[in-house]
């Protein structure tokens, strides 16, 4: 099997790992993963993201509490990927440039996507060498508290958390929706009855056991959609205000 096809195989077998062996990741491996992050594609070369490695047990426990996931505190490596325009803004100021565009929506989303792409590259690299990973979108349950905990300066914002370690579980491969509903040519395709289109997928999802509650199968995908819409997290709905509190002006048009 070629190196490229081996990487594809690993990606096709991606599973979220929430339980890790009590085994640290060697520092050389960590530094190699950070080199992968450093070499990640970045919008216009601006490299507008940062990574915060969480080693303080108190901070780990507080992040786990925000995530409402106790295992977060036990991950061998806990990383927070941050949209970061602060660094380039400071560089520009030292060059005598004080453009308001440093705070605009374009800069925010460029930094946000930089952080997302870097996180995915690190996941691919980690899984290629036998490590397991778990994305932690749950850090956004209270993004303002995360900003406070990590002492994030203006023009930064937490994007995604990432746990990395040696897997101590082998979860079932989670079913995914057919790509005919997700890949289109030249224009967006709309369907008359989505429930009919996903009926087989709904049934397949009912055969899946999530290891967060391994005693029962999960609900159908369509039921999960409804549940997620009903179970809102107020502080996540208020996120735009936290982004603006961090100094970004998402409404700026001049």
C-alpha atoms as a PDB file:
ATOM      1  CA  UNK A   1       0.000   0.000   0.000  1.00  0.00           C
ATOM      2  CA  UNK A   2       1.398   3.396  -0.982  1.00  0.00           C
ATOM      3  CA  UNK A   3       1.997   6.133   1.566  1.00  0.00           C
ATOM      4  CA  UNK A   4      -0.829   8.260   0.146  1.00  0.00           C
ATOM      5  CA  UNK A   5      -3.372   5.430   0.202  1.00  0.00           C
ATOM      6  CA  UNK A   6      -2.356   4.602   3.788  1.00  0.00           C
ATOM      7  CA  UNK A   7      -3.151   8.184   4.780  1.00  0.00           C
ATOM      8  CA  UNK A   8      -6.545   7.958   3.079  1.00  0.00           C
ATOM      9  CA  UNK A   9      -7.250   4.691   4.879  1.00  0.00           C
ATOM     10  CA  UNK A  10      -6.494   6.358   8.199  1.00  0.00           C
ATOM     11  CA  UNK A  11      -8.815   9.239   7.383  1.00  0.00           C
ATOM     12  CA  UNK A  12     -11.608   6.895   6.335  1.00  0.00           C
ATOM     13  CA  UNK A  13     -11.261   5.104   9.670  1.00  0.00           C
ATOM     14  CA  UNK A  14     -11.402   8.301  11.746  1.00  0.00           C
ATOM     15  CA  UNK A  15     -13.079   7.835  15.106  1.00  0.00           C
ATOM     16  CA  UNK A  16     -13.462  10.215  17.997  1.00  0.00           C
ATOM     17  CA  UNK A  17     -11.494   8.936  20.989  1.00  0.00           C
ATOM     18  CA  UNK A  18     -12.590  10.022  24.465  1.00  0.00           C
ATOM     19  CA  UNK A  19     -10.600   7.606  26.604  1.00  0.00           C
ATOM     20  CA  UNK A  20      -6.828   7.553  26.393  1.00  0.00           C
ATOM     21  CA  UNK A  21      -4.099   5.425  27.921  1.00  0.00           C
ATOM     22  CA  UNK A  22      -2.292   6.953  30.871  1.00  0.00           C
ATOM     23  CA  UNK A  23       0.749   7.416  28.692  1.00  0.00           C
ATOM     24  CA  UNK A  24       2.298  10.778  27.832  1.00  0.00           C
ATOM     25  CA  UNK A  25       3.122  11.769  24.281  1.00  0.00           C
ATOM     26  CA  UNK A  26       6.870  12.126  23.851  1.00  0.00           C
ATOM     27  CA  UNK A  27       7.986  15.732  23.469  1.00  0.00           C
ATOM     28  CA  UNK A  28       9.600  15.003  20.101  1.00  0.00           C
ATOM     29  CA  UNK A  29       6.235  13.805  18.783  1.00  0.00           C
ATOM     30  CA  UNK A  30       4.469  16.872  20.159  1.00  0.00           C
ATOM     31  CA  UNK A  31       7.026  19.164  18.511  1.00  0.00           C
ATOM     32  CA  UNK A  32       6.572  17.323  15.222  1.00  0.00           C
ATOM     33  CA  UNK A  33       2.795  17.843  15.419  1.00  0.00           C
ATOM     34  CA  UNK A  34       3.412  21.545  16.044  1.00  0.00           C
ATOM     35  CA  UNK A  35       5.686  21.624  13.001  1.00  0.00           C
ATOM     36  CA  UNK A  36       2.758  20.230  11.003  1.00  0.00           C
ATOM     37  CA  UNK A  37       0.628  23.083  12.368  1.00  0.00           C
ATOM     38  CA  UNK A  38       3.343  25.571  11.421  1.00  0.00           C
ATOM     39  CA  UNK A  39       3.460  24.315   7.838  1.00  0.00           C
ATOM     40  CA  UNK A  40      -0.331  24.365   7.402  1.00  0.00           C
ATOM     41  CA  UNK A  41      -1.840  26.429   4.587  1.00  0.00           C
ATOM     42  CA  UNK A  42      -2.868  29.880   5.787  1.00  0.00           C
ATOM     43  CA  UNK A  43      -4.893  32.705   4.250  1.00  0.00           C
ATOM     44  CA  UNK A  44      -2.615  35.124   2.337  1.00  0.00           C
ATOM     45  CA  UNK A  45       0.311  33.819   4.369  1.00  0.00           C
ATOM     46  CA  UNK A  46      -0.730  35.734   7.477  1.00  0.00           C
ATOM     47  CA  UNK A  47      -0.515  32.714   9.846  1.00  0.00           C
ATOM     48  CA  UNK A  48      -3.283  34.206  11.977  1.00  0.00           C
ATOM     49  CA  UNK A  49      -3.719  31.440  14.520  1.00  0.00           C
ATOM     50  CA  UNK A  50      -2.045  30.310  17.718  1.00  0.00           C
ATOM     51  CA  UNK A  51      -2.090  27.119  19.769  1.00  0.00           C
ATOM     52  CA  UNK A  52      -2.286  27.052  23.557  1.00  0.00           C
ATOM     53  CA  UNK A  53      -1.043  23.872  25.217  1.00  0.00           C
ATOM     54  CA  UNK A  54      -2.879  23.312  28.500  1.00  0.00           C
ATOM     55  CA  UNK A  55      -0.669  21.707  31.159  1.00  0.00           C
ATOM     56  CA  UNK A  56      -2.005  23.383  34.306  1.00  0.00           C
ATOM     57  CA  UNK A  57      -4.350  20.939  36.077  1.00  0.00           C
ATOM     58  CA  UNK A  58      -6.546  23.722  37.445  1.00  0.00           C
ATOM     59  CA  UNK A  59      -7.123  25.163  33.978  1.00  0.00           C
ATOM     60  CA  UNK A  60      -7.718  21.668  32.579  1.00  0.00           C
ATOM     61  CA  UNK A  61     -10.433  21.031  35.147  1.00  0.00           C
ATOM     62  CA  UNK A  62     -12.084  24.376  34.454  1.00  0.00           C
ATOM     63  CA  UNK A  63     -12.097  23.701  30.719  1.00  0.00           C
ATOM     64  CA  UNK A  64     -13.557  20.233  31.361  1.00  0.00           C
ATOM     65  CA  UNK A  65     -16.293  21.873  33.444  1.00  0.00           C
ATOM     66  CA  UNK A  66     -17.097  24.316  30.634  1.00  0.00           C
ATOM     67  CA  UNK A  67     -17.186  21.402  28.181  1.00  0.00           C
ATOM     68  CA  UNK A  68     -19.314  19.387  30.610  1.00  0.00           C
ATOM     69  CA  UNK A  69     -17.010  16.463  29.781  1.00  0.00           C
ATOM     70  CA  UNK A  70     -14.859  15.264  32.682  1.00  0.00           C
ATOM     71  CA  UNK A  71     -12.532  13.244  30.433  1.00  0.00           C
ATOM     72  CA  UNK A  72     -11.235  16.491  28.918  1.00  0.00           C
ATOM     73  CA  UNK A  73      -9.092  17.048  32.011  1.00  0.00           C
ATOM     74  CA  UNK A  74      -7.496  13.614  31.526  1.00  0.00           C
ATOM     75  CA  UNK A  75      -6.387  13.887  27.909  1.00  0.00           C
ATOM     76  CA  UNK A  76      -2.596  13.499  27.633  1.00  0.00           C
ATOM     77  CA  UNK A  77      -2.424  16.596  25.417  1.00  0.00           C
ATOM     78  CA  UNK A  78      -5.042  19.325  25.540  1.00  0.00           C
ATOM     79  CA  UNK A  79      -4.725  22.058  22.921  1.00  0.00           C
ATOM     80  CA  UNK A  80      -6.804  25.137  22.204  1.00  0.00           C
ATOM     81  CA  UNK A  81      -6.579  26.559  18.682  1.00  0.00           C
ATOM     82  CA  UNK A  82      -7.054  30.320  18.669  1.00  0.00           C
ATOM     83  CA  UNK A  83      -7.959  32.775  15.925  1.00  0.00           C
ATOM     84  CA  UNK A  84      -5.193  35.332  16.378  1.00  0.00           C
ATOM     85  CA  UNK A  85      -5.043  38.733  14.722  1.00  0.00           C
ATOM     86  CA  UNK A  86      -3.441  40.305  17.809  1.00  0.00           C
ATOM     87  CA  UNK A  87       0.098  39.381  16.731  1.00  0.00           C
ATOM     88  CA  UNK A  88      -0.187  40.870  13.238  1.00  0.00           C
ATOM     89  CA  UNK A  89      -1.993  43.923  14.597  1.00  0.00           C
ATOM     90  CA  UNK A  90       0.952  44.557  16.952  1.00  0.00           C
ATOM     91  CA  UNK A  91       3.412  44.051  14.097  1.00  0.00           C
ATOM     92  CA  UNK A  92       1.508  46.566  11.970  1.00  0.00           C
ATOM     93  CA  UNK A  93       1.404  49.135  14.807  1.00  0.00           C
ATOM     94  CA  UNK A  94       5.150  48.821  15.310  1.00  0.00           C
ATOM     95  CA  UNK A  95       5.473  49.600  11.598  1.00  0.00           C
ATOM     96  CA  UNK A  96       3.341  52.712  12.061  1.00  0.00           C
ATOM     97  CA  UNK A  97       0.200  51.201  10.538  1.00  0.00           C
ATOM     98  CA  UNK A  98      -3.070  51.690  12.447  1.00  0.00           C
ATOM     99  CA  UNK A  99      -5.652  50.549   9.875  1.00  0.00           C
ATOM    100  CA  UNK A 100      -9.098  49.749  11.292  1.00  0.00           C
ATOM    101  CA  UNK A 101      -9.272  46.776   8.949  1.00  0.00           C
ATOM    102  CA  UNK A 102      -7.231  44.828  11.513  1.00  0.00           C
ATOM    103  CA  UNK A 103     -10.498  44.340  13.395  1.00  0.00           C
ATOM    104  CA  UNK A 104     -12.897  43.654  10.541  1.00  0.00           C
ATOM    105  CA  UNK A 105     -14.952  40.574   9.718  1.00  0.00           C
ATOM    106  CA  UNK A 106     -12.597  39.511   6.923  1.00  0.00           C
ATOM    107  CA  UNK A 107      -9.675  39.381   9.344  1.00  0.00           C
ATOM    108  CA  UNK A 108     -11.734  37.477  11.926  1.00  0.00           C
ATOM    109  CA  UNK A 109     -12.869  34.763   9.524  1.00  0.00           C
ATOM    110  CA  UNK A 110      -9.427  34.459   7.940  1.00  0.00           C
ATOM    111  CA  UNK A 111      -7.990  33.781  11.395  1.00  0.00           C
ATOM    112  CA  UNK A 112     -10.864  31.454  12.285  1.00  0.00           C
ATOM    113  CA  UNK A 113     -10.372  29.300   9.199  1.00  0.00           C
ATOM    114  CA  UNK A 114      -6.587  29.309   9.691  1.00  0.00           C
ATOM    115  CA  UNK A 115      -7.136  27.802  13.149  1.00  0.00           C
ATOM    116  CA  UNK A 116      -9.604  25.189  11.835  1.00  0.00           C
ATOM    117  CA  UNK A 117      -7.310  24.059   9.036  1.00  0.00           C
ATOM    118  CA  UNK A 118      -4.327  23.815  11.388  1.00  0.00           C
ATOM    119  CA  UNK A 119      -6.341  21.719  13.849  1.00  0.00           C
ATOM    120  CA  UNK A 120      -7.389  19.306  11.092  1.00  0.00           C
ATOM    121  CA  UNK A 121      -3.819  18.969   9.863  1.00  0.00           C
ATOM    122  CA  UNK A 122      -2.671  18.109  13.376  1.00  0.00           C
ATOM    123  CA  UNK A 123      -5.454  15.512  13.654  1.00  0.00           C
ATOM    124  CA  UNK A 124      -4.406  13.894  10.368  1.00  0.00           C
ATOM    125  CA  UNK A 125      -0.766  13.816  11.463  1.00  0.00           C
ATOM    126  CA  UNK A 126      -1.579  12.449  14.919  1.00  0.00           C
ATOM    127  CA  UNK A 127      -3.779   9.660  13.577  1.00  0.00           C
ATOM    128  CA  UNK A 128      -1.163   8.728  10.974  1.00  0.00           C
ATOM    129  CA  UNK A 129       1.200   7.695  13.797  1.00  0.00           C
ATOM    130  CA  UNK A 130      -1.352   5.794  15.860  1.00  0.00           C
ATOM    131  CA  UNK A 131      -2.594   8.548  18.153  1.00  0.00           C
ATOM    132  CA  UNK A 132      -6.277   9.217  18.814  1.00  0.00           C
ATOM    133  CA  UNK A 133      -7.985  12.596  18.846  1.00  0.00           C
ATOM    134  CA  UNK A 134     -11.129  14.319  20.013  1.00  0.00           C
ATOM    135  CA  UNK A 135     -12.335  17.714  18.839  1.00  0.00           C
ATOM    136  CA  UNK A 136     -13.767  19.893  21.595  1.00  0.00           C
ATOM    137  CA  UNK A 137     -16.254  22.334  20.114  1.00  0.00           C
ATOM    138  CA  UNK A 138     -17.689  22.353  23.621  1.00  0.00           C
ATOM    139  CA  UNK A 139     -15.108  24.952  24.684  1.00  0.00           C
ATOM    140  CA  UNK A 140     -17.562  27.403  23.121  1.00  0.00           C
ATOM    141  CA  UNK A 141     -20.183  26.556  25.754  1.00  0.00           C
ATOM    142  CA  UNK A 142     -18.698  29.586  27.516  1.00  0.00           C
ATOM    143  CA  UNK A 143     -16.282  31.311  25.146  1.00  0.00           C
ATOM    144  CA  UNK A 144     -16.009  34.346  27.422  1.00  0.00           C
ATOM    145  CA  UNK A 145     -14.788  32.176  30.300  1.00  0.00           C
ATOM    146  CA  UNK A 146     -12.289  30.464  27.999  1.00  0.00           C
ATOM    147  CA  UNK A 147     -10.960  33.895  27.008  1.00  0.00           C
ATOM    148  CA  UNK A 148     -10.544  34.756  30.681  1.00  0.00           C
ATOM    149  CA  UNK A 149      -8.920  31.443  31.605  1.00  0.00           C
ATOM    150  CA  UNK A 150      -6.382  31.634  28.791  1.00  0.00           C
ATOM    151  CA  UNK A 151      -5.846  35.390  29.169  1.00  0.00           C
ATOM    152  CA  UNK A 152      -6.613  35.914  25.493  1.00  0.00           C
ATOM    153  CA  UNK A 153      -5.862  39.496  24.407  1.00  0.00           C
ATOM    154  CA  UNK A 154      -7.983  41.565  22.058  1.00  0.00           C
ATOM    155  CA  UNK A 155      -8.309  40.367  18.477  1.00  0.00           C
ATOM    156  CA  UNK A 156      -8.104  36.711  19.513  1.00  0.00           C
ATOM    157  CA  UNK A 157     -10.856  34.136  19.955  1.00  0.00           C
ATOM    158  CA  UNK A 158     -10.921  30.423  20.888  1.00  0.00           C
ATOM    159  CA  UNK A 159     -11.952  28.301  17.916  1.00  0.00           C
ATOM    160  CA  UNK A 160     -11.655  24.629  18.805  1.00  0.00           C
ATOM    161  CA  UNK A 161     -10.155  22.409  21.473  1.00  0.00           C
ATOM    162  CA  UNK A 162      -8.279  19.224  20.665  1.00  0.00           C
ATOM    163  CA  UNK A 163      -7.413  16.256  22.861  1.00  0.00           C
ATOM    164  CA  UNK A 164      -4.639  13.907  21.722  1.00  0.00           C
ATOM    165  CA  UNK A 165      -3.317  10.662  23.178  1.00  0.00           C
ATOM    166  CA  UNK A 166      -2.931   6.934  22.740  1.00  0.00           C
ATOM    167  CA  UNK A 167      -6.410   5.389  22.343  1.00  0.00           C
ATOM    168  CA  UNK A 168      -7.779   3.276  25.171  1.00  0.00           C
ATOM    169  CA  UNK A 169     -10.989   2.377  23.338  1.00  0.00           C
ATOM    170  CA  UNK A 170     -12.036   1.175  19.901  1.00  0.00           C
ATOM    171  CA  UNK A 171     -15.371   2.830  19.119  1.00  0.00           C
ATOM    172  CA  UNK A 172     -17.667   1.744  16.316  1.00  0.00           C
ATOM    173  CA  UNK A 173     -17.227   3.653  13.072  1.00  0.00           C
ATOM    174  CA  UNK A 174     -20.008   6.232  13.106  1.00  0.00           C
ATOM    175  CA  UNK A 175     -22.367   6.162  10.094  1.00  0.00           C
ATOM    176  CA  UNK A 176     -22.349   9.182   7.795  1.00  0.00           C
ATOM    177  CA  UNK A 177     -24.920  10.610   5.416  1.00  0.00           C
ATOM    178  CA  UNK A 178     -24.727   9.688   1.725  1.00  0.00           C
ATOM    179  CA  UNK A 179     -22.688  12.234  -0.215  1.00  0.00           C
ATOM    180  CA  UNK A 180     -25.389  12.595  -2.882  1.00  0.00           C
ATOM    181  CA  UNK A 181     -27.026  14.915  -0.356  1.00  0.00           C
ATOM    182  CA  UNK A 182     -23.809  16.850   0.161  1.00  0.00           C
ATOM    183  CA  UNK A 183     -21.893  17.011  -3.121  1.00  0.00           C
ATOM    184  CA  UNK A 184     -23.384  18.977  -6.012  1.00  0.00           C
ATOM    185  CA  UNK A 185     -22.222  20.124  -9.406  1.00  0.00           C
ATOM    186  CA  UNK A 186     -22.267  23.791 -10.378  1.00  0.00           C
ATOM    187  CA  UNK A 187     -25.225  24.700  -8.171  1.00  0.00           C
ATOM    188  CA  UNK A 188     -26.899  23.744  -4.896  1.00  0.00           C
ATOM    189  CA  UNK A 189     -29.367  20.879  -5.220  1.00  0.00           C
ATOM    190  CA  UNK A 190     -32.583  20.970  -3.186  1.00  0.00           C
ATOM    191  CA  UNK A 191     -34.777  17.921  -2.605  1.00  0.00           C
ATOM    192  CA  UNK A 192     -38.528  17.663  -2.132  1.00  0.00           C
ATOM    193  CA  UNK A 193     -38.485  15.336   0.858  1.00  0.00           C
ATOM    194  CA  UNK A 194     -35.345  15.059   2.927  1.00  0.00           C
ATOM    195  CA  UNK A 195     -36.811  12.512   5.330  1.00  0.00           C
ATOM    196  CA  UNK A 196     -37.346  10.144   2.411  1.00  0.00           C
ATOM    197  CA  UNK A 197     -33.820  10.812   1.206  1.00  0.00           C
ATOM    198  CA  UNK A 198     -32.267   9.973   4.575  1.00  0.00           C
ATOM    199  CA  UNK A 199     -34.564   7.106   5.618  1.00  0.00           C
ATOM    200  CA  UNK A 200     -31.830   4.495   5.152  1.00  0.00           C
ATOM    201  CA  UNK A 201     -29.350   6.692   7.012  1.00  0.00           C
ATOM    202  CA  UNK A 202     -31.823   7.198   9.857  1.00  0.00           C
ATOM    203  CA  UNK A 203     -32.152   3.436  10.173  1.00  0.00           C
ATOM    204  CA  UNK A 204     -28.405   2.926  10.036  1.00  0.00           C
ATOM    205  CA  UNK A 205     -27.870   5.474  12.807  1.00  0.00           C
ATOM    206  CA  UNK A 206     -30.161   3.455  15.076  1.00  0.00           C
ATOM    207  CA  UNK A 207     -27.605   0.615  14.945  1.00  0.00           C
ATOM    208  CA  UNK A 208     -24.809   2.824  16.306  1.00  0.00           C
ATOM    209  CA  UNK A 209     -23.660   2.718  19.918  1.00  0.00           C
ATOM    210  CA  UNK A 210     -22.005   5.910  21.137  1.00  0.00           C
ATOM    211  CA  UNK A 211     -19.420   5.029  23.789  1.00  0.00           C
ATOM    212  CA  UNK A 212     -20.561   8.024  25.833  1.00  0.00           C
ATOM    213  CA  UNK A 213     -23.586   5.832  26.590  1.00  0.00           C
ATOM    214  CA  UNK A 214     -22.720   2.357  25.376  1.00  0.00           C
ATOM    215  CA  UNK A 215     -25.860   0.797  26.881  1.00  0.00           C
ATOM    216  CA  UNK A 216     -28.188   2.098  24.191  1.00  0.00           C
ATOM    217  CA  UNK A 217     -28.238   2.910  20.532  1.00  0.00           C
ATOM    218  CA  UNK A 218     -28.400   6.513  19.415  1.00  0.00           C
ATOM    219  CA  UNK A 219     -31.476   8.213  17.984  1.00  0.00           C
ATOM    220  CA  UNK A 220     -32.028   8.533  14.254  1.00  0.00           C
ATOM    221  CA  UNK A 221     -30.206  11.421  12.596  1.00  0.00           C
ATOM    222  CA  UNK A 222     -33.454  13.312  11.934  1.00  0.00           C
ATOM    223  CA  UNK A 223     -34.388  13.051  15.628  1.00  0.00           C
ATOM    224  CA  UNK A 224     -30.924  14.282  16.574  1.00  0.00           C
ATOM    225  CA  UNK A 225     -31.392  17.322  14.339  1.00  0.00           C
ATOM    226  CA  UNK A 226     -34.587  18.245  16.195  1.00  0.00           C
ATOM    227  CA  UNK A 227     -33.047  17.582  19.614  1.00  0.00           C
ATOM    228  CA  UNK A 228     -30.033  19.800  18.872  1.00  0.00           C
ATOM    229  CA  UNK A 229     -32.304  22.638  17.750  1.00  0.00           C
ATOM    230  CA  UNK A 230     -34.383  22.396  20.913  1.00  0.00           C
ATOM    231  CA  UNK A 231     -31.495  22.053  23.363  1.00  0.00           C
ATOM    232  CA  UNK A 232     -29.848  25.433  22.947  1.00  0.00           C
ATOM    233  CA  UNK A 233     -26.940  26.665  25.065  1.00  0.00           C
ATOM    234  CA  UNK A 234     -27.620  30.355  25.851  1.00  0.00           C
ATOM    235  CA  UNK A 235     -23.951  31.365  26.081  1.00  0.00           C
ATOM    236  CA  UNK A 236     -23.291  29.910  22.641  1.00  0.00           C
ATOM    237  CA  UNK A 237     -26.125  32.008  21.214  1.00  0.00           C
ATOM    238  CA  UNK A 238     -24.435  35.065  22.700  1.00  0.00           C
ATOM    239  CA  UNK A 239     -21.090  34.306  21.061  1.00  0.00           C
ATOM    240  CA  UNK A 240     -21.092  37.248  18.658  1.00  0.00           C
ATOM    241  CA  UNK A 241     -21.085  39.602  21.637  1.00  0.00           C
ATOM    242  CA  UNK A 242     -18.002  37.864  23.030  1.00  0.00           C
ATOM    243  CA  UNK A 243     -16.286  38.151  19.637  1.00  0.00           C
ATOM    244  CA  UNK A 244     -17.025  41.877  19.627  1.00  0.00           C
ATOM    245  CA  UNK A 245     -15.843  42.150  23.245  1.00  0.00           C
ATOM    246  CA  UNK A 246     -12.557  40.676  22.026  1.00  0.00           C
ATOM    247  CA  UNK A 247     -12.215  43.707  19.767  1.00  0.00           C
ATOM    248  CA  UNK A 248     -13.504  42.503  16.417  1.00  0.00           C
ATOM    249  CA  UNK A 249     -15.948  44.744  14.575  1.00  0.00           C
ATOM    250  CA  UNK A 250     -18.021  42.322  12.508  1.00  0.00           C
ATOM    251  CA  UNK A 251     -20.264  45.090  11.203  1.00  0.00           C
ATOM    252  CA  UNK A 252     -17.470  47.344   9.976  1.00  0.00           C
ATOM    253  CA  UNK A 253     -17.872  48.249   6.316  1.00  0.00           C
ATOM    254  CA  UNK A 254     -15.361  51.049   5.936  1.00  0.00           C
END
